[in-house]
Amino acid sequence: MYFCQSQKAGWQQAIGNENLRAYISTKIAFLNNNHRMKFTAEIDVMPLKALLDPQGKAISMGLSNMGLEKIENVRMGKHITLEVEADSKDAANEKVDTACKKLLCNPIIEGYHFELNPVN
């Protein structure tokens, strides 16, 4: 942080030791936050294959009624896109996984899959 000891001594005289520590920790926190990475998460939430999908069945029947034959096994799900900021791809992966488990997906009737891509 300092170019030389005299610079440090000058800061200590100007603002005192406690204020200097607070200033340094604020600068370090600022620098650490600037090194965080942003990712886009593409999340697919789908009904479990073992369960009946009434929305998929309705779509399948509607397509058949429109004359679009031979379309079967339609499954209706959700696609969610979000941005996450984290220190690393592993940390972002953990955040998205937690979001899926706790809010975005009902594990009793749904499963999920996601991909993380860095934001440029």
PDB file of N, CA and C in Angstrom:
ATOM      1  N   MET A   1       0.819  -1.199   0.000  1.00  0.00           N
ATOM      2  CA  MET A   1       0.000   0.000   0.000  1.00  0.00           C
ATOM      3  C   MET A   1       0.867   1.270   0.000  1.00  0.00           C
ATOM      4  N   TYR A   2       1.957   1.218   0.746  1.00  0.00           N
ATOM      5  CA  TYR A   2       2.803   2.403   0.866  1.00  0.00           C
ATOM      6  C   TYR A   2       4.029   2.254  -0.015  1.00  0.00           C
ATOM      7  N   PHE A   3       4.496   3.380  -0.509  1.00  0.00           N
ATOM      8  CA  PHE A   3       5.711   3.367  -1.309  1.00  0.00           C
ATOM      9  C   PHE A   3       6.946   3.316  -0.413  1.00  0.00           C
ATOM     10  N   CYS A   4       6.843   3.900   0.781  1.00  0.00           N
ATOM     11  CA  CYS A   4       7.977   3.871   1.706  1.00  0.00           C
ATOM     12  C   CYS A   4       7.469   4.090   3.123  1.00  0.00           C
ATOM     13  N   GLN A   5       8.323   3.864   4.091  1.00  0.00           N
ATOM     14  CA  GLN A   5       7.943   4.014   5.497  1.00  0.00           C
ATOM     15  C   GLN A   5       7.573   5.454   5.829  1.00  0.00           C
ATOM     16  N   SER A   6       8.227   6.418   5.176  1.00  0.00           N
ATOM     17  CA  SER A   6       7.917   7.821   5.480  1.00  0.00           C
ATOM     18  C   SER A   6       6.485   8.158   5.064  1.00  0.00           C
ATOM     19  N   GLN A   7       6.021   7.521   3.973  1.00  0.00           N
ATOM     20  CA  GLN A   7       4.630   7.739   3.557  1.00  0.00           C
ATOM     21  C   GLN A   7       3.677   7.199   4.624  1.00  0.00           C
ATOM     22  N   LYS A   8       3.982   6.012   5.154  1.00  0.00           N
ATOM     23  CA  LYS A   8       3.161   5.422   6.212  1.00  0.00           C
ATOM     24  C   LYS A   8       3.162   6.326   7.447  1.00  0.00           C
ATOM     25  N   ALA A   9       4.333   6.817   7.829  1.00  0.00           N
ATOM     26  CA  ALA A   9       4.443   7.689   9.004  1.00  0.00           C
ATOM     27  C   ALA A   9       3.631   8.962   8.796  1.00  0.00           C
ATOM     28  N   GLY A  10       3.663   9.480   7.585  1.00  0.00           N
ATOM     29  CA  GLY A  10       2.887  10.683   7.288  1.00  0.00           C
ATOM     30  C   GLY A  10       1.395  10.433   7.446  1.00  0.00           C
ATOM     31  N   TRP A  11       0.913   9.305   6.966  1.00  0.00           N
ATOM     32  CA  TRP A  11      -0.506   8.963   7.117  1.00  0.00           C
ATOM     33  C   TRP A  11      -0.853   8.781   8.587  1.00  0.00           C
ATOM     34  N   GLN A  12       0.008   8.114   9.345  1.00  0.00           N
ATOM     35  CA  GLN A  12      -0.266   7.886  10.765  1.00  0.00           C
ATOM     36  C   GLN A  12      -0.371   9.213  11.508  1.00  0.00           C
ATOM     37  N   GLN A  13       0.499  10.151  11.211  1.00  0.00           N
ATOM     38  CA  GLN A  13       0.442  11.457  11.866  1.00  0.00           C
ATOM     39  C   GLN A  13      -0.821  12.210  11.453  1.00  0.00           C
ATOM     40  N   ALA A  14      -1.203  12.094  10.196  1.00  0.00           N
ATOM     41  CA  ALA A  14      -2.335  12.866   9.687  1.00  0.00           C
ATOM     42  C   ALA A  14      -3.664  12.343  10.213  1.00  0.00           C
ATOM     43  N   ILE A  15      -3.838  11.029  10.255  1.00  0.00           N
ATOM     44  CA  ILE A  15      -5.167  10.515  10.616  1.00  0.00           C
ATOM     45  C   ILE A  15      -5.179   9.593  11.832  1.00  0.00           C
ATOM     46  N   GLY A  16      -4.026   9.254  12.409  1.00  0.00           N
ATOM     47  CA  GLY A  16      -3.977   8.409  13.590  1.00  0.00           C
ATOM     48  C   GLY A  16      -4.011   6.928  13.212  1.00  0.00           C
ATOM     49  N   ASN A  17      -3.528   6.091  14.126  1.00  0.00           N
ATOM     50  CA  ASN A  17      -3.409   4.657  13.864  1.00  0.00           C
ATOM     51  C   ASN A  17      -4.755   3.975  13.629  1.00  0.00           C
ATOM     52  N   GLU A  18      -5.756   4.260  14.445  1.00  0.00           N
ATOM     53  CA  GLU A  18      -7.067   3.588  14.310  1.00  0.00           C
ATOM     54  C   GLU A  18      -7.728   3.963  12.991  1.00  0.00           C
ATOM     55  N   ASN A  19      -7.707   5.235  12.648  1.00  0.00           N
ATOM     56  CA  ASN A  19      -8.282   5.665  11.374  1.00  0.00           C
ATOM     57  C   ASN A  19      -7.508   5.085  10.195  1.00  0.00           C
ATOM     58  N   LEU A  20      -6.191   4.945  10.353  1.00  0.00           N
ATOM     59  CA  LEU A  20      -5.376   4.362   9.294  1.00  0.00           C
ATOM     60  C   LEU A  20      -5.780   2.908   9.056  1.00  0.00           C
ATOM     61  N   ARG A  21      -5.978   2.155  10.149  1.00  0.00           N
ATOM     62  CA  ARG A  21      -6.410   0.756  10.012  1.00  0.00           C
ATOM     63  C   ARG A  21      -7.768   0.665   9.318  1.00  0.00           C
ATOM     64  N   ALA A  22      -8.679   1.538   9.698  1.00  0.00           N
ATOM     65  CA  ALA A  22     -10.011   1.534   9.079  1.00  0.00           C
ATOM     66  C   ALA A  22      -9.913   1.895   7.595  1.00  0.00           C
ATOM     67  N   TYR A  23      -9.078   2.864   7.285  1.00  0.00           N
ATOM     68  CA  TYR A  23      -8.886   3.268   5.890  1.00  0.00           C
ATOM     69  C   TYR A  23      -8.318   2.116   5.062  1.00  0.00           C
ATOM     70  N   ILE A  24      -7.306   1.447   5.599  1.00  0.00           N
ATOM     71  CA  ILE A  24      -6.669   0.345   4.882  1.00  0.00           C
ATOM     72  C   ILE A  24      -7.648  -0.800   4.682  1.00  0.00           C
ATOM     73  N   SER A  25      -8.405  -1.167   5.720  1.00  0.00           N
ATOM     74  CA  SER A  25      -9.353  -2.276   5.557  1.00  0.00           C
ATOM     75  C   SER A  25     -10.463  -1.914   4.575  1.00  0.00           C
ATOM     76  N   THR A  26     -10.855  -0.642   4.522  1.00  0.00           N
ATOM     77  CA  THR A  26     -11.849  -0.221   3.538  1.00  0.00           C
ATOM     78  C   THR A  26     -11.281  -0.345   2.124  1.00  0.00           C
ATOM     79  N   LYS A  27     -10.039   0.063   1.929  1.00  0.00           N
ATOM     80  CA  LYS A  27      -9.399  -0.048   0.609  1.00  0.00           C
ATOM     81  C   LYS A  27      -9.251  -1.512   0.208  1.00  0.00           C
ATOM     82  N   ILE A  28      -8.852  -2.369   1.146  1.00  0.00           N
ATOM     83  CA  ILE A  28      -8.693  -3.794   0.829  1.00  0.00           C
ATOM     84  C   ILE A  28     -10.031  -4.395   0.442  1.00  0.00           C
ATOM     85  N   ALA A  29     -11.084  -4.072   1.174  1.00  0.00           N
ATOM     86  CA  ALA A  29     -12.422  -4.588   0.839  1.00  0.00           C
ATOM     87  C   ALA A  29     -12.844  -4.105  -0.542  1.00  0.00           C
ATOM     88  N   PHE A  30     -12.563  -2.845  -0.848  1.00  0.00           N
ATOM     89  CA  PHE A  30     -12.904  -2.304  -2.164  1.00  0.00           C
ATOM     90  C   PHE A  30     -12.165  -3.057  -3.264  1.00  0.00           C
ATOM     91  N   LEU A  31     -10.868  -3.278  -3.067  1.00  0.00           N
ATOM     92  CA  LEU A  31     -10.076  -3.991  -4.069  1.00  0.00           C
ATOM     93  C   LEU A  31     -10.539  -5.435  -4.227  1.00  0.00           C
ATOM     94  N   ASN A  32     -10.874  -6.082  -3.119  1.00  0.00           N
ATOM     95  CA  ASN A  32     -11.363  -7.465  -3.193  1.00  0.00           C
ATOM     96  C   ASN A  32     -12.672  -7.539  -3.958  1.00  0.00           C
ATOM     97  N   ASN A  33     -13.562  -6.597  -3.744  1.00  0.00           N
ATOM     98  CA  ASN A  33     -14.848  -6.611  -4.450  1.00  0.00           C
ATOM     99  C   ASN A  33     -14.672  -6.370  -5.941  1.00  0.00           C
ATOM    100  N   ASN A  34     -13.645  -5.643  -6.315  1.00  0.00           N
ATOM    101  CA  ASN A  34     -13.413  -5.391  -7.737  1.00  0.00           C
ATOM    102  C   ASN A  34     -12.894  -6.628  -8.468  1.00  0.00           C
ATOM    103  N   HIS A  35     -12.465  -7.635  -7.743  1.00  0.00           N
ATOM    104  CA  HIS A  35     -11.958  -8.853  -8.364  1.00  0.00           C
ATOM    105  C   HIS A  35     -13.030  -9.930  -8.458  1.00  0.00           C
ATOM    106  N   ARG A  36     -14.243  -9.606  -8.082  1.00  0.00           N
ATOM    107  CA  ARG A  36     -15.323 -10.576  -8.179  1.00  0.00           C
ATOM    108  C   ARG A  36     -15.706 -10.741  -9.647  1.00  0.00           C
ATOM    109  N   MET A  37     -16.220 -11.909  -9.961  1.00  0.00           N
ATOM    110  CA  MET A  37     -16.583 -12.220 -11.344  1.00  0.00           C
ATOM    111  C   MET A  37     -18.098 -12.297 -11.465  1.00  0.00           C
ATOM    112  N   LYS A  38     -18.607 -12.015 -12.661  1.00  0.00           N
ATOM    113  CA  LYS A  38     -20.041 -12.122 -12.926  1.00  0.00           C
ATOM    114  C   LYS A  38     -20.283 -13.274 -13.881  1.00  0.00           C
ATOM    115  N   PHE A  39     -21.334 -14.035 -13.588  1.00  0.00           N
ATOM    116  CA  PHE A  39     -21.708 -15.161 -14.420  1.00  0.00           C
ATOM    117  C   PHE A  39     -23.194 -15.080 -14.747  1.00  0.00           C
ATOM    118  N   THR A  40     -23.557 -15.606 -15.906  1.00  0.00           N
ATOM    119  CA  THR A  40     -24.960 -15.777 -16.260  1.00  0.00           C
ATOM    120  C   THR A  40     -25.294 -17.249 -16.057  1.00  0.00           C
ATOM    121  N   ALA A  41     -26.354 -17.501 -15.325  1.00  0.00           N
ATOM    122  CA  ALA A  41     -26.809 -18.869 -15.099  1.00  0.00           C
ATOM    123  C   ALA A  41     -28.057 -19.112 -15.943  1.00  0.00           C
ATOM    124  N   GLU A  42     -28.035 -20.174 -16.723  1.00  0.00           N
ATOM    125  CA  GLU A  42     -29.174 -20.624 -17.521  1.00  0.00           C
ATOM    126  C   GLU A  42     -29.698 -21.879 -16.836  1.00  0.00           C
ATOM    127  N   ILE A  43     -30.890 -21.775 -16.233  1.00  0.00           N
ATOM    128  CA  ILE A  43     -31.433 -22.855 -15.407  1.00  0.00           C
ATOM    129  C   ILE A  43     -32.675 -23.434 -16.071  1.00  0.00           C
ATOM    130  N   ASP A  44     -32.711 -24.744 -16.180  1.00  0.00           N
ATOM    131  CA  ASP A  44     -33.896 -25.450 -16.665  1.00  0.00           C
ATOM    132  C   ASP A  44     -34.481 -26.261 -15.517  1.00  0.00           C
ATOM    133  N   VAL A  45     -35.744 -26.018 -15.227  1.00  0.00           N
ATOM    134  CA  VAL A  45     -36.469 -26.762 -14.195  1.00  0.00           C
ATOM    135  C   VAL A  45     -37.553 -27.564 -14.910  1.00  0.00           C
ATOM    136  N   MET A  46     -37.502 -28.877 -14.745  1.00  0.00           N
ATOM    137  CA  MET A  46     -38.431 -29.759 -15.453  1.00  0.00           C
ATOM    138  C   MET A  46     -39.110 -30.713 -14.473  1.00  0.00           C
ATOM    139  N   PRO A  47     -40.349 -31.152 -14.800  1.00  0.00           N
ATOM    140  CA  PRO A  47     -40.997 -32.158 -13.970  1.00  0.00           C
ATOM    141  C   PRO A  47     -40.192 -33.464 -14.010  1.00  0.00           C
ATOM    142  N   LEU A  48     -40.188 -34.184 -12.915  1.00  0.00           N
ATOM    143  CA  LEU A  48     -39.500 -35.470 -12.882  1.00  0.00           C
ATOM    144  C   LEU A  48     -40.132 -36.411 -13.899  1.00  0.00           C
ATOM    145  N   LYS A  49     -39.313 -37.214 -14.543  1.00  0.00           N
ATOM    146  CA  LYS A  49     -39.799 -38.111 -15.596  1.00  0.00           C
ATOM    147  C   LYS A  49     -40.789 -39.147 -15.063  1.00  0.00           C
ATOM    148  N   ALA A  50     -40.661 -39.509 -13.798  1.00  0.00           N
ATOM    149  CA  ALA A  50     -41.532 -40.528 -13.215  1.00  0.00           C
ATOM    150  C   ALA A  50     -42.952 -40.009 -12.956  1.00  0.00           C
ATOM    151  N   LEU A  51     -43.136 -38.695 -13.010  1.00  0.00           N
ATOM    152  CA  LEU A  51     -44.441 -38.105 -12.701  1.00  0.00           C
ATOM    153  C   LEU A  51     -45.180 -37.697 -13.971  1.00  0.00           C
ATOM    154  N   LEU A  52     -46.498 -37.743 -13.894  1.00  0.00           N
ATOM    155  CA  LEU A  52     -47.344 -37.269 -14.985  1.00  0.00           C
ATOM    156  C   LEU A  52     -47.178 -35.753 -15.121  1.00  0.00           C
ATOM    157  N   ASP A  53     -47.101 -35.279 -16.351  1.00  0.00           N
ATOM    158  CA  ASP A  53     -46.985 -33.841 -16.612  1.00  0.00           C
ATOM    159  C   ASP A  53     -48.267 -33.381 -17.300  1.00  0.00           C
ATOM    160  N   PRO A  54     -49.250 -32.877 -16.547  1.00  0.00           N
ATOM    161  CA  PRO A  54     -50.526 -32.497 -17.153  1.00  0.00           C
ATOM    162  C   PRO A  54     -50.396 -31.387 -18.190  1.00  0.00           C
ATOM    163  N   GLN A  55     -49.487 -30.433 -17.981  1.00  0.00           N
ATOM    164  CA  GLN A  55     -49.301 -29.370 -18.973  1.00  0.00           C
ATOM    165  C   GLN A  55     -48.718 -29.941 -20.269  1.00  0.00           C
ATOM    166  N   GLY A  56     -47.752 -30.823 -20.130  1.00  0.00           N
ATOM    167  CA  GLY A  56     -47.179 -31.468 -21.310  1.00  0.00           C
ATOM    168  C   GLY A  56     -48.213 -32.287 -22.060  1.00  0.00           C
ATOM    169  N   LYS A  57     -49.076 -32.975 -21.326  1.00  0.00           N
ATOM    170  CA  LYS A  57     -50.130 -33.776 -21.952  1.00  0.00           C
ATOM    171  C   LYS A  57     -51.109 -32.873 -22.707  1.00  0.00           C
ATOM    172  N   ALA A  58     -51.484 -31.746 -22.110  1.00  0.00           N
ATOM    173  CA  ALA A  58     -52.402 -30.810 -22.766  1.00  0.00           C
ATOM    174  C   ALA A  58     -51.774 -30.245 -24.047  1.00  0.00           C
ATOM    175  N   ILE A  59     -50.487 -29.922 -23.995  1.00  0.00           N
ATOM    176  CA  ILE A  59     -49.799 -29.418 -25.190  1.00  0.00           C
ATOM    177  C   ILE A  59     -49.778 -30.491 -26.274  1.00  0.00           C
ATOM    178  N   SER A  60     -49.471 -31.700 -25.880  1.00  0.00           N
ATOM    179  CA  SER A  60     -49.419 -32.817 -26.833  1.00  0.00           C
ATOM    180  C   SER A  60     -50.760 -33.018 -27.525  1.00  0.00           C
ATOM    181  N   MET A  61     -51.844 -32.970 -26.744  1.00  0.00           N
ATOM    182  CA  MET A  61     -53.182 -33.144 -27.322  1.00  0.00           C
ATOM    183  C   MET A  61     -53.549 -31.956 -28.215  1.00  0.00           C
ATOM    184  N   GLY A  62     -53.165 -30.745 -27.814  1.00  0.00           N
ATOM    185  CA  GLY A  62     -53.431 -29.558 -28.624  1.00  0.00           C
ATOM    186  C   GLY A  62     -52.712 -29.622 -29.957  1.00  0.00           C
ATOM    187  N   LEU A  63     -51.473 -30.071 -29.941  1.00  0.00           N
ATOM    188  CA  LEU A  63     -50.718 -30.213 -31.193  1.00  0.00           C
ATOM    189  C   LEU A  63     -51.356 -31.258 -32.102  1.00  0.00           C
ATOM    190  N   SER A  64     -51.815 -32.340 -31.496  1.00  0.00           N
ATOM    191  CA  SER A  64     -52.481 -33.395 -32.264  1.00  0.00           C
ATOM    192  C   SER A  64     -53.766 -32.868 -32.897  1.00  0.00           C
ATOM    193  N   ASN A  65     -54.527 -32.080 -32.145  1.00  0.00           N
ATOM    194  CA  ASN A  65     -55.775 -31.494 -32.646  1.00  0.00           C
ATOM    195  C   ASN A  65     -55.514 -30.487 -33.765  1.00  0.00           C
ATOM    196  N   MET A  66     -54.323 -29.902 -33.790  1.00  0.00           N
ATOM    197  CA  MET A  66     -53.967 -28.951 -34.853  1.00  0.00           C
ATOM    198  C   MET A  66     -53.451 -29.663 -36.106  1.00  0.00           C
ATOM    199  N   GLY A  67     -53.412 -30.975 -36.050  1.00  0.00           N
ATOM    200  CA  GLY A  67     -52.941 -31.742 -37.201  1.00  0.00           C
ATOM    201  C   GLY A  67     -51.453 -32.039 -37.169  1.00  0.00           C
ATOM    202  N   LEU A  68     -50.790 -31.727 -36.074  1.00  0.00           N
ATOM    203  CA  LEU A  68     -49.364 -32.025 -35.937  1.00  0.00           C
ATOM    204  C   LEU A  68     -49.216 -33.380 -35.239  1.00  0.00           C
ATOM    205  N   GLU A  69     -49.276 -34.410 -36.034  1.00  0.00           N
ATOM    206  CA  GLU A  69     -49.216 -35.782 -35.513  1.00  0.00           C
ATOM    207  C   GLU A  69     -47.779 -36.181 -35.194  1.00  0.00           C
ATOM    208  N   LYS A  70     -47.652 -37.294 -34.495  1.00  0.00           N
ATOM    209  CA  LYS A  70     -46.364 -37.917 -34.172  1.00  0.00           C
ATOM    210  C   LYS A  70     -45.471 -37.038 -33.293  1.00  0.00           C
ATOM    211  N   ILE A  71     -46.075 -36.164 -32.512  1.00  0.00           N
ATOM    212  CA  ILE A  71     -45.319 -35.423 -31.494  1.00  0.00           C
ATOM    213  C   ILE A  71     -45.758 -35.990 -30.155  1.00  0.00           C
ATOM    214  N   GLU A  72     -44.803 -36.578 -29.444  1.00  0.00           N
ATOM    215  CA  GLU A  72     -45.138 -37.297 -28.207  1.00  0.00           C
ATOM    216  C   GLU A  72     -44.199 -36.900 -27.072  1.00  0.00           C
ATOM    217  N   ASN A  73     -44.554 -37.329 -25.873  1.00  0.00           N
ATOM    218  CA  ASN A  73     -43.736 -37.141 -24.666  1.00  0.00           C
ATOM    219  C   ASN A  73     -43.351 -35.683 -24.436  1.00  0.00           C
ATOM    220  N   VAL A  74     -44.312 -34.796 -24.570  1.00  0.00           N
ATOM    221  CA  VAL A  74     -44.061 -33.366 -24.336  1.00  0.00           C
ATOM    222  C   VAL A  74     -43.960 -33.130 -22.834  1.00  0.00           C
ATOM    223  N   ARG A  75     -42.934 -32.413 -22.406  1.00  0.00           N
ATOM    224  CA  ARG A  75     -42.742 -32.040 -21.002  1.00  0.00           C
ATOM    225  C   ARG A  75     -42.669 -30.521 -20.934  1.00  0.00           C
ATOM    226  N   MET A  76     -43.430 -29.931 -20.045  1.00  0.00           N
ATOM    227  CA  MET A  76     -43.466 -28.470 -19.880  1.00  0.00           C
ATOM    228  C   MET A  76     -42.690 -28.108 -18.625  1.00  0.00           C
ATOM    229  N   GLY A  77     -41.700 -27.210 -18.770  1.00  0.00           N
ATOM    230  CA  GLY A  77     -40.893 -26.792 -17.630  1.00  0.00           C
ATOM    231  C   GLY A  77     -40.702 -25.289 -17.608  1.00  0.00           C
ATOM    232  N   LYS A  78     -39.689 -24.863 -16.862  1.00  0.00           N
ATOM    233  CA  LYS A  78     -39.373 -23.440 -16.732  1.00  0.00           C
ATOM    234  C   LYS A  78     -37.913 -23.226 -17.133  1.00  0.00           C
ATOM    235  N   HIS A  79     -37.647 -22.101 -17.759  1.00  0.00           N
ATOM    236  CA  HIS A  79     -36.278 -21.684 -18.057  1.00  0.00           C
ATOM    237  C   HIS A  79     -36.045 -20.371 -17.324  1.00  0.00           C
ATOM    238  N   ILE A  80     -35.019 -20.325 -16.500  1.00  0.00           N
ATOM    239  CA  ILE A  80     -34.720 -19.148 -15.681  1.00  0.00           C
ATOM    240  C   ILE A  80     -33.306 -18.687 -16.013  1.00  0.00           C
ATOM    241  N   THR A  81     -33.154 -17.393 -16.244  1.00  0.00           N
ATOM    242  CA  THR A  81     -31.843 -16.797 -16.486  1.00  0.00           C
ATOM    243  C   THR A  81     -31.582 -15.776 -15.394  1.00  0.00           C
ATOM    244  N   LEU A  82     -30.389 -15.826 -14.819  1.00  0.00           N
ATOM    245  CA  LEU A  82     -30.031 -14.842 -13.805  1.00  0.00           C
ATOM    246  C   LEU A  82     -28.537 -14.586 -13.849  1.00  0.00           C
ATOM    247  N   GLU A  83     -28.129 -13.458 -13.272  1.00  0.00           N
ATOM    248  CA  GLU A  83     -26.711 -13.132 -13.158  1.00  0.00           C
ATOM    249  C   GLU A  83     -26.306 -13.263 -11.702  1.00  0.00           C
ATOM    250  N   VAL A  84     -25.133 -13.821 -11.498  1.00  0.00           N
ATOM    251  CA  VAL A  84     -24.612 -14.011 -10.140  1.00  0.00           C
ATOM    252  C   VAL A  84     -23.178 -13.488 -10.091  1.00  0.00           C
ATOM    253  N   GLU A  85     -22.844 -12.822  -9.003  1.00  0.00           N
ATOM    254  CA  GLU A  85     -21.506 -12.292  -8.802  1.00  0.00           C
ATOM    255  C   GLU A  85     -20.846 -13.104  -7.701  1.00  0.00           C
ATOM    256  N   ALA A  86     -19.619 -13.569  -7.959  1.00  0.00           N
ATOM    257  CA  ALA A  86     -18.916 -14.395  -6.975  1.00  0.00           C
ATOM    258  C   ALA A  86     -17.415 -14.278  -7.192  1.00  0.00           C
ATOM    259  N   ASP A  87     -16.656 -14.787  -6.219  1.00  0.00           N
ATOM    260  CA  ASP A  87     -15.200 -14.741  -6.294  1.00  0.00           C
ATOM    261  C   ASP A  87     -14.633 -15.723  -7.306  1.00  0.00           C
ATOM    262  N   SER A  88     -15.375 -16.815  -7.569  1.00  0.00           N
ATOM    263  CA  SER A  88     -14.888 -17.836  -8.498  1.00  0.00           C
ATOM    264  C   SER A  88     -16.080 -18.540  -9.136  1.00  0.00           C
ATOM    265  N   LYS A  89     -15.786 -19.355 -10.139  1.00  0.00           N
ATOM    266  CA  LYS A  89     -16.858 -20.116 -10.785  1.00  0.00           C
ATOM    267  C   LYS A  89     -17.444 -21.138  -9.820  1.00  0.00           C
ATOM    268  N   ASP A  90     -16.614 -21.732  -8.975  1.00  0.00           N
ATOM    269  CA  ASP A  90     -17.107 -22.695  -7.983  1.00  0.00           C
ATOM    270  C   ASP A  90     -18.062 -22.026  -6.994  1.00  0.00           C
ATOM    271  N   ALA A  91     -17.728 -20.815  -6.558  1.00  0.00           N
ATOM    272  CA  ALA A  91     -18.596 -20.083  -5.624  1.00  0.00           C
ATOM    273  C   ALA A  91     -19.913 -19.713  -6.295  1.00  0.00           C
ATOM    274  N   ALA A  92     -19.857 -19.308  -7.570  1.00  0.00           N
ATOM    275  CA  ALA A  92     -21.081 -18.989  -8.315  1.00  0.00           C
ATOM    276  C   ALA A  92     -21.930 -20.241  -8.494  1.00  0.00           C
ATOM    277  N   ASN A  93     -21.280 -21.357  -8.794  1.00  0.00           N
ATOM    278  CA  ASN A  93     -21.963 -22.637  -8.949  1.00  0.00           C
ATOM    279  C   ASN A  93     -22.715 -22.998  -7.663  1.00  0.00           C
ATOM    280  N   GLU A  94     -22.058 -22.799  -6.524  1.00  0.00           N
ATOM    281  CA  GLU A  94     -22.670 -23.104  -5.228  1.00  0.00           C
ATOM    282  C   GLU A  94     -23.870 -22.192  -4.952  1.00  0.00           C
ATOM    283  N   LYS A  95     -23.745 -20.905  -5.288  1.00  0.00           N
ATOM    284  CA  LYS A  95     -24.855 -19.966  -5.076  1.00  0.00           C
ATOM    285  C   LYS A  95     -26.071 -20.347  -5.912  1.00  0.00           C
ATOM    286  N   VAL A  96     -25.848 -20.667  -7.187  1.00  0.00           N
ATOM    287  CA  VAL A  96     -26.962 -21.024  -8.071  1.00  0.00           C
ATOM    288  C   VAL A  96     -27.595 -22.335  -7.617  1.00  0.00           C
ATOM    289  N   ASP A  97     -26.768 -23.293  -7.227  1.00  0.00           N
ATOM    290  CA  ASP A  97     -27.282 -24.575  -6.747  1.00  0.00           C
ATOM    291  C   ASP A  97     -28.148 -24.375  -5.504  1.00  0.00           C
ATOM    292  N   THR A  98     -27.703 -23.524  -4.596  1.00  0.00           N
ATOM    293  CA  THR A  98     -28.482 -23.224  -3.393  1.00  0.00           C
ATOM    294  C   THR A  98     -29.808 -22.551  -3.748  1.00  0.00           C
ATOM    295  N   ALA A  99     -29.770 -21.602  -4.690  1.00  0.00           N
ATOM    296  CA  ALA A  99     -30.999 -20.925  -5.121  1.00  0.00           C
ATOM    297  C   ALA A  99     -31.992 -21.925  -5.707  1.00  0.00           C
ATOM    298  N   CYS A 100     -31.478 -22.858  -6.500  1.00  0.00           N
ATOM    299  CA  CYS A 100     -32.352 -23.871  -7.108  1.00  0.00           C
ATOM    300  C   CYS A 100     -32.970 -24.760  -6.035  1.00  0.00           C
ATOM    301  N   LYS A 101     -32.159 -25.211  -5.104  1.00  0.00           N
ATOM    302  CA  LYS A 101     -32.646 -26.125  -4.059  1.00  0.00           C
ATOM    303  C   LYS A 101     -33.645 -25.452  -3.123  1.00  0.00           C
ATOM    304  N   LYS A 102     -33.394 -24.187  -2.792  1.00  0.00           N
ATOM    305  CA  LYS A 102     -34.216 -23.519  -1.781  1.00  0.00           C
ATOM    306  C   LYS A 102     -35.419 -22.770  -2.334  1.00  0.00           C
ATOM    307  N   LEU A 103     -35.377 -22.347  -3.622  1.00  0.00           N
ATOM    308  CA  LEU A 103     -36.465 -21.510  -4.113  1.00  0.00           C
ATOM    309  C   LEU A 103     -36.977 -21.877  -5.501  1.00  0.00           C
ATOM    310  N   LEU A 104     -36.093 -22.083  -6.435  1.00  0.00           N
ATOM    311  CA  LEU A 104     -36.505 -22.184  -7.832  1.00  0.00           C
ATOM    312  C   LEU A 104     -37.093 -23.543  -8.216  1.00  0.00           C
ATOM    313  N   CYS A 105     -36.790 -24.574  -7.457  1.00  0.00           N
ATOM    314  CA  CYS A 105     -37.209 -25.924  -7.814  1.00  0.00           C
ATOM    315  C   CYS A 105     -37.870 -26.604  -6.620  1.00  0.00           C
ATOM    316  N   ASN A 106     -38.972 -27.307  -6.886  1.00  0.00           N
ATOM    317  CA  ASN A 106     -39.603 -28.138  -5.863  1.00  0.00           C
ATOM    318  C   ASN A 106     -39.071 -29.556  -6.061  1.00  0.00           C
ATOM    319  N   PRO A 107     -38.138 -30.006  -5.218  1.00  0.00           N
ATOM    320  CA  PRO A 107     -37.469 -31.282  -5.461  1.00  0.00           C
ATOM    321  C   PRO A 107     -38.386 -32.503  -5.388  1.00  0.00           C
ATOM    322  N   ILE A 108     -39.576 -32.340  -4.872  1.00  0.00           N
ATOM    323  CA  ILE A 108     -40.517 -33.461  -4.800  1.00  0.00           C
ATOM    324  C   ILE A 108     -41.067 -33.789  -6.185  1.00  0.00           C
ATOM    325  N   ILE A 109     -41.272 -32.755  -7.006  1.00  0.00           N
ATOM    326  CA  ILE A 109     -41.879 -32.992  -8.316  1.00  0.00           C
ATOM    327  C   ILE A 109     -41.025 -32.510  -9.492  1.00  0.00           C
ATOM    328  N   GLU A 110     -39.894 -31.806  -9.195  1.00  0.00           N
ATOM    329  CA  GLU A 110     -39.091 -31.230 -10.276  1.00  0.00           C
ATOM    330  C   GLU A 110     -37.605 -31.538 -10.093  1.00  0.00           C
ATOM    331  N   GLY A 111     -36.898 -31.508 -11.198  1.00  0.00           N
ATOM    332  CA  GLY A 111     -35.444 -31.573 -11.195  1.00  0.00           C
ATOM    333  C   GLY A 111     -34.917 -30.350 -11.916  1.00  0.00           C
ATOM    334  N   TYR A 112     -33.638 -30.078 -11.768  1.00  0.00           N
ATOM    335  CA  TYR A 112     -33.071 -28.898 -12.434  1.00  0.00           C
ATOM    336  C   TYR A 112     -31.688 -29.199 -12.973  1.00  0.00           C
ATOM    337  N   HIS A 113     -31.306 -28.382 -13.932  1.00  0.00           N
ATOM    338  CA  HIS A 113     -29.985 -28.423 -14.533  1.00  0.00           C
ATOM    339  C   HIS A 113     -29.618 -26.998 -14.893  1.00  0.00           C
ATOM    340  N   PHE A 114     -28.348 -26.616 -14.702  1.00  0.00           N
ATOM    341  CA  PHE A 114     -27.963 -25.255 -15.082  1.00  0.00           C
ATOM    342  C   PHE A 114     -26.556 -25.223 -15.645  1.00  0.00           C
ATOM    343  N   GLU A 115     -26.291 -24.146 -16.393  1.00  0.00           N
ATOM    344  CA  GLU A 115     -24.971 -23.871 -16.951  1.00  0.00           C
ATOM    345  C   GLU A 115     -24.570 -22.455 -16.545  1.00  0.00           C
ATOM    346  N   LEU A 116     -23.313 -22.286 -16.209  1.00  0.00           N
ATOM    347  CA  LEU A 116     -22.766 -20.965 -15.882  1.00  0.00           C
ATOM    348  C   LEU A 116     -21.845 -20.515 -17.009  1.00  0.00           C
ATOM    349  N   ASN A 117     -22.010 -19.262 -17.411  1.00  0.00           N
ATOM    350  CA  ASN A 117     -21.137 -18.663 -18.417  1.00  0.00           C
ATOM    351  C   ASN A 117     -20.669 -17.320 -17.916  1.00  0.00           C
ATOM    352  N   PRO A 118     -19.374 -17.017 -18.065  1.00  0.00           N
ATOM    353  CA  PRO A 118     -18.890 -15.706 -17.619  1.00  0.00           C
ATOM    354  C   PRO A 118     -19.501 -14.569 -18.434  1.00  0.00           C
ATOM    355  N   VAL A 119     -19.790 -13.470 -17.753  1.00  0.00           N
ATOM    356  CA  VAL A 119     -20.292 -12.266 -18.429  1.00  0.00           C
ATOM    357  C   VAL A 119     -19.076 -11.481 -18.880  1.00  0.00           C
ATOM    358  N   ASN A 120     -19.079 -11.055 -20.118  1.00  0.00           N
ATOM    359  CA  ASN A 120     -17.929 -10.297 -20.659  1.00  0.00           C
ATOM    360  C   ASN A 120     -18.064  -8.830 -20.395  1.00  0.00           C
TER     361      ASN A 120
END
